[in-house]
PDB file of all heavy atoms in Angstrom:
ATOM      1  N   SER A   1      19.411  -7.008 -56.500  1.00  0.00           N
ATOM      2  CA  SER A   1      20.133  -7.796 -57.550  1.00  0.00           C
ATOM      3  C   SER A   1      21.603  -7.832 -57.196  1.00  0.00           C
ATOM      4  O   SER A   1      22.207  -6.939 -56.566  1.00  0.00           O
ATOM      5  CB  SER A   1      19.904  -7.140 -58.874  1.00  0.00           C
ATOM      6  OG  SER A   1      20.407  -5.870 -58.932  1.00  0.00           O
ATOM      7  N   ALA A   2      22.265  -8.871 -57.780  1.00  0.00           N
ATOM      8  CA  ALA A   2      23.651  -9.069 -57.526  1.00  0.00           C
ATOM      9  C   ALA A   2      24.431  -7.894 -58.240  1.00  0.00           C
ATOM     10  O   ALA A   2      24.016  -7.411 -59.302  1.00  0.00           O
ATOM     11  CB  ALA A   2      24.087 -10.393 -58.127  1.00  0.00           C
ATOM     12  N   VAL A   3      25.558  -7.560 -57.624  1.00  0.00           N
ATOM     13  CA  VAL A   3      26.470  -6.590 -58.276  1.00  0.00           C
ATOM     14  C   VAL A   3      26.979  -7.098 -59.556  1.00  0.00           C
ATOM     15  O   VAL A   3      27.520  -8.164 -59.644  1.00  0.00           O
ATOM     16  CB  VAL A   3      27.611  -6.235 -57.318  1.00  0.00           C
ATOM     17  CG1 VAL A   3      28.598  -5.218 -57.996  1.00  0.00           C
ATOM     18  CG2 VAL A   3      27.080  -5.524 -56.035  1.00  0.00           C
ATOM     19  N   PRO A   4      26.808  -6.423 -60.679  1.00  0.00           N
ATOM     20  CA  PRO A   4      27.261  -6.920 -61.972  1.00  0.00           C
ATOM     21  C   PRO A   4      28.721  -6.978 -62.118  1.00  0.00           C
ATOM     22  O   PRO A   4      29.497  -6.239 -61.429  1.00  0.00           O
ATOM     23  CB  PRO A   4      26.654  -5.962 -62.991  1.00  0.00           C
ATOM     24  CG  PRO A   4      26.479  -4.668 -62.238  1.00  0.00           C
ATOM     25  CD  PRO A   4      26.179  -5.052 -60.824  1.00  0.00           C
ATOM     26  N   GLU A   5      29.232  -7.842 -63.003  1.00  0.00           N
ATOM     27  CA  GLU A   5      30.651  -7.995 -63.248  1.00  0.00           C
ATOM     28  C   GLU A   5      31.154  -6.792 -64.151  1.00  0.00           C
ATOM     29  O   GLU A   5      32.293  -6.348 -64.083  1.00  0.00           O
ATOM     30  CB  GLU A   5      30.952  -9.268 -63.997  1.00  0.00           C
ATOM     31  CG  GLU A   5      30.807 -10.552 -63.075  1.00  0.00           C
ATOM     32  CD  GLU A   5      31.873 -10.605 -62.042  1.00  0.00           C
ATOM     33  OE1 GLU A   5      32.983 -10.122 -62.353  1.00  0.00           O
ATOM     34  OE2 GLU A   5      31.648 -11.166 -60.996  1.00  0.00           O
ATOM     35  N   GLU A   6      30.255  -6.256 -64.964  1.00  0.00           N
ATOM     36  CA  GLU A   6      30.676  -5.216 -65.922  1.00  0.00           C
ATOM     37  C   GLU A   6      31.153  -3.977 -65.134  1.00  0.00           C
ATOM     38  O   GLU A   6      30.519  -3.669 -64.150  1.00  0.00           O
ATOM     39  CB  GLU A   6      29.438  -4.828 -66.846  1.00  0.00           C
ATOM     40  CG  GLU A   6      29.080  -5.986 -67.760  1.00  0.00           C
ATOM     41  CD  GLU A   6      28.281  -7.080 -67.133  1.00  0.00           C
ATOM     42  OE1 GLU A   6      27.631  -6.777 -66.067  1.00  0.00           O
ATOM     43  OE2 GLU A   6      28.227  -8.198 -67.569  1.00  0.00           O
ATOM     44  N   ALA A   7      32.079  -3.296 -65.789  1.00  0.00           N
ATOM     45  CA  ALA A   7      32.625  -2.100 -65.069  1.00  0.00           C
ATOM     46  C   ALA A   7      31.762  -0.874 -65.387  1.00  0.00           C
ATOM     47  O   ALA A   7      32.048  -0.016 -66.210  1.00  0.00           O
ATOM     48  CB  ALA A   7      34.031  -1.827 -65.567  1.00  0.00           C
ATOM     49  N   SER A   8      30.578  -0.865 -64.749  1.00  0.00           N
ATOM     50  CA  SER A   8      29.539   0.168 -64.960  1.00  0.00           C
ATOM     51  C   SER A   8      29.392   1.023 -63.744  1.00  0.00           C
ATOM     52  O   SER A   8      29.307   0.493 -62.631  1.00  0.00           O
ATOM     53  CB  SER A   8      28.226  -0.420 -65.369  1.00  0.00           C
ATOM     54  OG  SER A   8      27.817  -1.326 -64.396  1.00  0.00           O
ATOM     55  N   LEU A   9      29.391   2.334 -63.917  1.00  0.00           N
ATOM     56  CA  LEU A   9      29.157   3.219 -62.741  1.00  0.00           C
ATOM     57  C   LEU A   9      28.082   4.158 -63.071  1.00  0.00           C
ATOM     58  O   LEU A   9      27.743   4.477 -64.201  1.00  0.00           O
ATOM     59  CB  LEU A   9      30.473   3.952 -62.424  1.00  0.00           C
ATOM     60  CG  LEU A   9      31.191   4.812 -63.442  1.00  0.00           C
ATOM     61  CD1 LEU A   9      30.667   6.261 -63.364  1.00  0.00           C
ATOM     62  CD2 LEU A   9      32.719   4.779 -63.198  1.00  0.00           C
ATOM     63  N   LEU A  10      27.460   4.718 -61.955  1.00  0.00           N
ATOM     64  CA  LEU A  10      26.307   5.536 -62.037  1.00  0.00           C
ATOM     65  C   LEU A  10      26.427   6.816 -61.172  1.00  0.00           C
ATOM     66  O   LEU A  10      26.978   6.680 -60.043  1.00  0.00           O
ATOM     67  CB  LEU A  10      25.064   4.747 -61.582  1.00  0.00           C
ATOM     68  CG  LEU A  10      23.755   5.479 -61.391  1.00  0.00           C
ATOM     69  CD1 LEU A  10      23.208   5.931 -62.751  1.00  0.00           C
ATOM     70  CD2 LEU A  10      22.724   4.621 -60.664  1.00  0.00           C
ATOM     71  N   CYS A  11      26.016   7.897 -61.636  1.00  0.00           N
ATOM     72  CA  CYS A  11      25.979   9.133 -60.899  1.00  0.00           C
ATOM     73  C   CYS A  11      24.525   9.684 -61.062  1.00  0.00           C
ATOM     74  O   CYS A  11      24.088   9.901 -62.196  1.00  0.00           O
ATOM     75  CB  CYS A  11      27.000  10.150 -61.368  1.00  0.00           C
ATOM     76  SG  CYS A  11      26.903  11.740 -60.541  1.00  0.00           S
ATOM     77  N   VAL A  12      23.843   9.935 -59.955  1.00  0.00           N
ATOM     78  CA  VAL A  12      22.489  10.438 -59.970  1.00  0.00           C
ATOM     79  C   VAL A  12      22.571  11.849 -59.283  1.00  0.00           C
ATOM     80  O   VAL A  12      22.850  11.905 -58.016  1.00  0.00           O
ATOM     81  CB  VAL A  12      21.473   9.571 -59.208  1.00  0.00           C
ATOM     82  CG1 VAL A  12      20.101  10.201 -59.243  1.00  0.00           C
ATOM     83  CG2 VAL A  12      21.455   8.145 -59.782  1.00  0.00           C
ATOM     84  N   ALA A  13      22.335  12.897 -60.042  1.00  0.00           N
ATOM     85  CA  ALA A  13      22.575  14.252 -59.459  1.00  0.00           C
ATOM     86  C   ALA A  13      21.938  15.298 -60.381  1.00  0.00           C
ATOM     87  O   ALA A  13      21.787  15.148 -61.605  1.00  0.00           O
ATOM     88  CB  ALA A  13      24.137  14.543 -59.343  1.00  0.00           C
ATOM     89  N   GLN A  14      21.580  16.409 -59.758  1.00  0.00           N
ATOM     90  CA  GLN A  14      21.204  17.579 -60.559  1.00  0.00           C
ATOM     91  C   GLN A  14      22.407  18.040 -61.272  1.00  0.00           C
ATOM     92  O   GLN A  14      23.528  18.017 -60.699  1.00  0.00           O
ATOM     93  CB  GLN A  14      20.705  18.689 -59.652  1.00  0.00           C
ATOM     94  CG  GLN A  14      19.275  18.587 -59.174  1.00  0.00           C
ATOM     95  CD  GLN A  14      18.836  19.811 -58.371  1.00  0.00           C
ATOM     96  OE1 GLN A  14      19.174  19.947 -57.199  1.00  0.00           O
ATOM     97  NE2 GLN A  14      18.147  20.629 -59.054  1.00  0.00           N
ATOM     98  N   LEU A  15      22.281  18.427 -62.484  1.00  0.00           N
ATOM     99  CA  LEU A  15      23.417  18.867 -63.342  1.00  0.00           C
ATOM    100  C   LEU A  15      23.630  20.417 -63.070  1.00  0.00           C
ATOM    101  O   LEU A  15      23.358  21.253 -63.866  1.00  0.00           O
ATOM    102  CB  LEU A  15      23.180  18.600 -64.743  1.00  0.00           C
ATOM    103  CG  LEU A  15      22.958  17.118 -65.079  1.00  0.00           C
ATOM    104  CD1 LEU A  15      22.910  16.891 -66.557  1.00  0.00           C
ATOM    105  CD2 LEU A  15      24.010  16.218 -64.428  1.00  0.00           C
ATOM    106  N   ILE A  16      24.171  20.714 -61.873  1.00  0.00           N
ATOM    107  CA  ILE A  16      24.507  22.004 -61.428  1.00  0.00           C
ATOM    108  C   ILE A  16      25.890  21.979 -60.861  1.00  0.00           C
ATOM    109  O   ILE A  16      26.434  20.883 -60.531  1.00  0.00           O
ATOM    110  CB  ILE A  16      23.542  22.568 -60.366  1.00  0.00           C
ATOM    111  CG1 ILE A  16      23.456  21.616 -59.164  1.00  0.00           C
ATOM    112  CG2 ILE A  16      22.161  22.765 -60.936  1.00  0.00           C
ATOM    113  CD1 ILE A  16      22.550  22.079 -58.028  1.00  0.00           C
ATOM    114  N   LYS A  17      26.519  23.130 -60.745  1.00  0.00           N
ATOM    115  CA  LYS A  17      27.943  23.152 -60.349  1.00  0.00           C
ATOM    116  C   LYS A  17      28.268  22.480 -59.010  1.00  0.00           C
ATOM    117  O   LYS A  17      29.219  21.761 -58.841  1.00  0.00           O
ATOM    118  CB  LYS A  17      28.407  24.609 -60.248  1.00  0.00           C
ATOM    119  CG  LYS A  17      29.934  24.771 -59.971  1.00  0.00           C
ATOM    120  CD  LYS A  17      30.291  26.222 -60.010  1.00  0.00           C
ATOM    121  CE  LYS A  17      31.782  26.434 -59.818  1.00  0.00           C
ATOM    122  NZ  LYS A  17      32.170  27.884 -59.858  1.00  0.00           N
ATOM    123  N   GLY A  18      27.315  22.666 -58.063  1.00  0.00           N
ATOM    124  CA  GLY A  18      27.592  22.145 -56.670  1.00  0.00           C
ATOM    125  C   GLY A  18      27.645  20.602 -56.631  1.00  0.00           C
ATOM    126  O   GLY A  18      28.297  20.079 -55.734  1.00  0.00           O
ATOM    127  N   LYS A  19      27.035  19.940 -57.612  1.00  0.00           N
ATOM    128  CA  LYS A  19      26.996  18.420 -57.562  1.00  0.00           C
ATOM    129  C   LYS A  19      28.284  17.849 -58.090  1.00  0.00           C
ATOM    130  O   LYS A  19      28.519  16.664 -58.020  1.00  0.00           O
ATOM    131  CB  LYS A  19      25.773  17.942 -58.316  1.00  0.00           C
ATOM    132  CG  LYS A  19      24.474  18.227 -57.588  1.00  0.00           C
ATOM    133  CD  LYS A  19      24.407  17.634 -56.236  1.00  0.00           C
ATOM    134  CE  LYS A  19      23.068  17.792 -55.573  1.00  0.00           C
ATOM    135  NZ  LYS A  19      22.989  17.149 -54.244  1.00  0.00           N
ATOM    136  N   GLY A  20      29.141  18.630 -58.733  1.00  0.00           N
ATOM    137  CA  GLY A  20      30.517  18.153 -59.109  1.00  0.00           C
ATOM    138  C   GLY A  20      30.592  17.139 -60.225  1.00  0.00           C
ATOM    139  O   GLY A  20      31.569  16.416 -60.218  1.00  0.00           O
ATOM    140  N   VAL A  21      29.607  17.099 -61.083  1.00  0.00           N
ATOM    141  CA  VAL A  21      29.710  16.139 -62.207  1.00  0.00           C
ATOM    142  C   VAL A  21      30.900  16.426 -63.046  1.00  0.00           C
ATOM    143  O   VAL A  21      31.524  15.508 -63.640  1.00  0.00           O
ATOM    144  CB  VAL A  21      28.395  16.089 -62.955  1.00  0.00           C
ATOM    145  CG1 VAL A  21      28.509  15.156 -64.171  1.00  0.00           C
ATOM    146  CG2 VAL A  21      27.223  15.719 -62.095  1.00  0.00           C
ATOM    147  N   ASP A  22      31.331  17.708 -63.130  1.00  0.00           N
ATOM    148  CA  ASP A  22      32.515  18.014 -63.932  1.00  0.00           C
ATOM    149  C   ASP A  22      33.767  17.363 -63.290  1.00  0.00           C
ATOM    150  O   ASP A  22      34.718  16.945 -64.009  1.00  0.00           O
ATOM    151  CB  ASP A  22      32.669  19.509 -64.014  1.00  0.00           C
ATOM    152  CG  ASP A  22      32.773  20.188 -62.728  1.00  0.00           C
ATOM    153  OD1 ASP A  22      32.042  19.852 -61.769  1.00  0.00           O
ATOM    154  OD2 ASP A  22      33.602  21.101 -62.534  1.00  0.00           O
ATOM    155  N   LEU A  23      33.828  17.319 -61.953  1.00  0.00           N
ATOM    156  CA  LEU A  23      34.907  16.672 -61.271  1.00  0.00           C
ATOM    157  C   LEU A  23      34.912  15.152 -61.595  1.00  0.00           C
ATOM    158  O   LEU A  23      35.993  14.551 -61.746  1.00  0.00           O
ATOM    159  CB  LEU A  23      34.785  16.871 -59.768  1.00  0.00           C
ATOM    160  CG  LEU A  23      34.801  18.288 -59.277  1.00  0.00           C
ATOM    161  CD1 LEU A  23      34.571  18.424 -57.786  1.00  0.00           C
ATOM    162  CD2 LEU A  23      36.126  19.042 -59.676  1.00  0.00           C
ATOM    163  N   LEU A  24      33.715  14.568 -61.639  1.00  0.00           N
ATOM    164  CA  LEU A  24      33.680  13.179 -62.039  1.00  0.00           C
ATOM    165  C   LEU A  24      34.185  12.946 -63.400  1.00  0.00           C
ATOM    166  O   LEU A  24      34.997  12.001 -63.655  1.00  0.00           O
ATOM    167  CB  LEU A  24      32.235  12.709 -61.918  1.00  0.00           C
ATOM    168  CG  LEU A  24      31.915  11.279 -62.553  1.00  0.00           C
ATOM    169  CD1 LEU A  24      32.716  10.202 -61.817  1.00  0.00           C
ATOM    170  CD2 LEU A  24      30.425  11.025 -62.462  1.00  0.00           C
ATOM    171  N   LEU A  25      33.814  13.814 -64.366  1.00  0.00           N
ATOM    172  CA  LEU A  25      34.275  13.604 -65.725  1.00  0.00           C
ATOM    173  C   LEU A  25      35.758  13.688 -65.855  1.00  0.00           C
ATOM    174  O   LEU A  25      36.442  12.930 -66.541  1.00  0.00           O
ATOM    175  CB  LEU A  25      33.649  14.656 -66.655  1.00  0.00           C
ATOM    176  CG  LEU A  25      32.126  14.518 -66.799  1.00  0.00           C
ATOM    177  CD1 LEU A  25      31.535  15.728 -67.628  1.00  0.00           C
ATOM    178  CD2 LEU A  25      31.759  13.198 -67.497  1.00  0.00           C
ATOM    179  N   LYS A  26      36.381  14.666 -65.138  1.00  0.00           N
ATOM    180  CA  LYS A  26      37.836  14.838 -65.123  1.00  0.00           C
ATOM    181  C   LYS A  26      38.558  13.601 -64.528  1.00  0.00           C
ATOM    182  O   LYS A  26      39.620  13.228 -64.967  1.00  0.00           O
ATOM    183  CB  LYS A  26      38.249  16.128 -64.414  1.00  0.00           C
ATOM    184  CG  LYS A  26      37.762  17.324 -65.179  1.00  0.00           C
ATOM    185  CD  LYS A  26      37.972  18.636 -64.371  1.00  0.00           C
ATOM    186  CE  LYS A  26      37.415  19.814 -65.133  1.00  0.00           C
ATOM    187  NZ  LYS A  26      37.564  21.045 -64.319  1.00  0.00           N
ATOM    188  N   ALA A  27      37.876  13.035 -63.493  1.00  0.00           N
ATOM    189  CA  ALA A  27      38.440  11.799 -62.861  1.00  0.00           C
ATOM    190  C   ALA A  27      38.317  10.593 -63.838  1.00  0.00           C
ATOM    191  O   ALA A  27      39.280   9.804 -63.930  1.00  0.00           O
ATOM    192  CB  ALA A  27      37.768  11.509 -61.556  1.00  0.00           C
ATOM    193  N   LEU A  28      37.207  10.527 -64.550  1.00  0.00           N
ATOM    194  CA  LEU A  28      37.066   9.417 -65.494  1.00  0.00           C
ATOM    195  C   LEU A  28      38.128   9.448 -66.584  1.00  0.00           C
ATOM    196  O   LEU A  28      38.606   8.421 -67.097  1.00  0.00           O
ATOM    197  CB  LEU A  28      35.693   9.520 -66.095  1.00  0.00           C
ATOM    198  CG  LEU A  28      34.470   9.181 -65.179  1.00  0.00           C
ATOM    199  CD1 LEU A  28      33.185   9.428 -65.930  1.00  0.00           C
ATOM    200  CD2 LEU A  28      34.579   7.763 -64.676  1.00  0.00           C
ATOM    201  N   LYS A  29      38.558  10.633 -66.979  1.00  0.00           N
ATOM    202  CA  LYS A  29      39.557  10.813 -68.034  1.00  0.00           C
ATOM    203  C   LYS A  29      40.874  10.213 -67.593  1.00  0.00           C
ATOM    204  O   LYS A  29      41.631   9.722 -68.388  1.00  0.00           O
ATOM    205  CB  LYS A  29      39.765  12.287 -68.337  1.00  0.00           C
ATOM    206  CG  LYS A  29      40.834  12.606 -69.364  1.00  0.00           C
ATOM    207  CD  LYS A  29      40.493  12.044 -70.683  1.00  0.00           C
ATOM    208  CE  LYS A  29      41.504  12.426 -71.748  1.00  0.00           C
ATOM    209  NZ  LYS A  29      41.253  11.821 -73.038  1.00  0.00           N
ATOM    210  N   LYS A  30      41.105  10.153 -66.271  1.00  0.00           N
ATOM    211  CA  LYS A  30      42.374   9.625 -65.728  1.00  0.00           C
ATOM    212  C   LYS A  30      42.390   8.130 -65.544  1.00  0.00           C
ATOM    213  O   LYS A  30      43.406   7.499 -65.181  1.00  0.00           O
ATOM    214  CB  LYS A  30      42.703  10.276 -64.402  1.00  0.00           C
ATOM    215  CG  LYS A  30      42.951  11.824 -64.494  1.00  0.00           C
ATOM    216  CD  LYS A  30      43.221  12.426 -63.173  1.00  0.00           C
ATOM    217  CE  LYS A  30      43.567  13.926 -63.324  1.00  0.00           C
ATOM    218  NZ  LYS A  30      44.804  14.157 -64.055  1.00  0.00           N
ATOM    219  N   MET A  31      41.243   7.483 -65.736  1.00  0.00           N
ATOM    220  CA  MET A  31      41.190   6.035 -65.465  1.00  0.00           C
ATOM    221  C   MET A  31      41.786   5.218 -66.650  1.00  0.00           C
ATOM    222  O   MET A  31      41.657   5.607 -67.787  1.00  0.00           O
ATOM    223  CB  MET A  31      39.724   5.573 -65.244  1.00  0.00           C
ATOM    224  CG  MET A  31      39.145   6.100 -63.914  1.00  0.00           C
ATOM    225  SD  MET A  31      37.399   5.768 -63.654  1.00  0.00           S
ATOM    226  CE  MET A  31      37.343   3.999 -63.878  1.00  0.00           C
ATOM    227  N   THR A  32      42.393   4.090 -66.308  1.00  0.00           N
ATOM    228  CA  THR A  32      43.051   3.255 -67.316  1.00  0.00           C
ATOM    229  C   THR A  32      42.211   2.021 -67.678  1.00  0.00           C
ATOM    230  O   THR A  32      42.522   1.422 -68.708  1.00  0.00           O
ATOM    231  CB  THR A  32      44.478   2.816 -66.772  1.00  0.00           C
ATOM    232  OG1 THR A  32      44.306   2.086 -65.562  1.00  0.00           O
ATOM    233  CG2 THR A  32      45.343   3.995 -66.598  1.00  0.00           C
ATOM    234  N   CYS A  33      41.296   1.664 -66.799  1.00  0.00           N
ATOM    235  CA  CYS A  33      40.435   0.481 -67.088  1.00  0.00           C
ATOM    236  C   CYS A  33      39.295   0.878 -67.948  1.00  0.00           C
ATOM    237  O   CYS A  33      38.866   2.011 -68.105  1.00  0.00           O
ATOM    238  CB  CYS A  33      39.933  -0.140 -65.773  1.00  0.00           C
ATOM    239  SG  CYS A  33      38.674   0.767 -64.938  1.00  0.00           S
TER     240      CYS A  33
END
């Protein structure tokens, strides 16, 4: 399917420390869009 215009992002990962989802959340906090 075509890449959507909406600003949507996806992370598929086990929710364990090594997968770094906490790092993603902290990065999302810094976004302005």
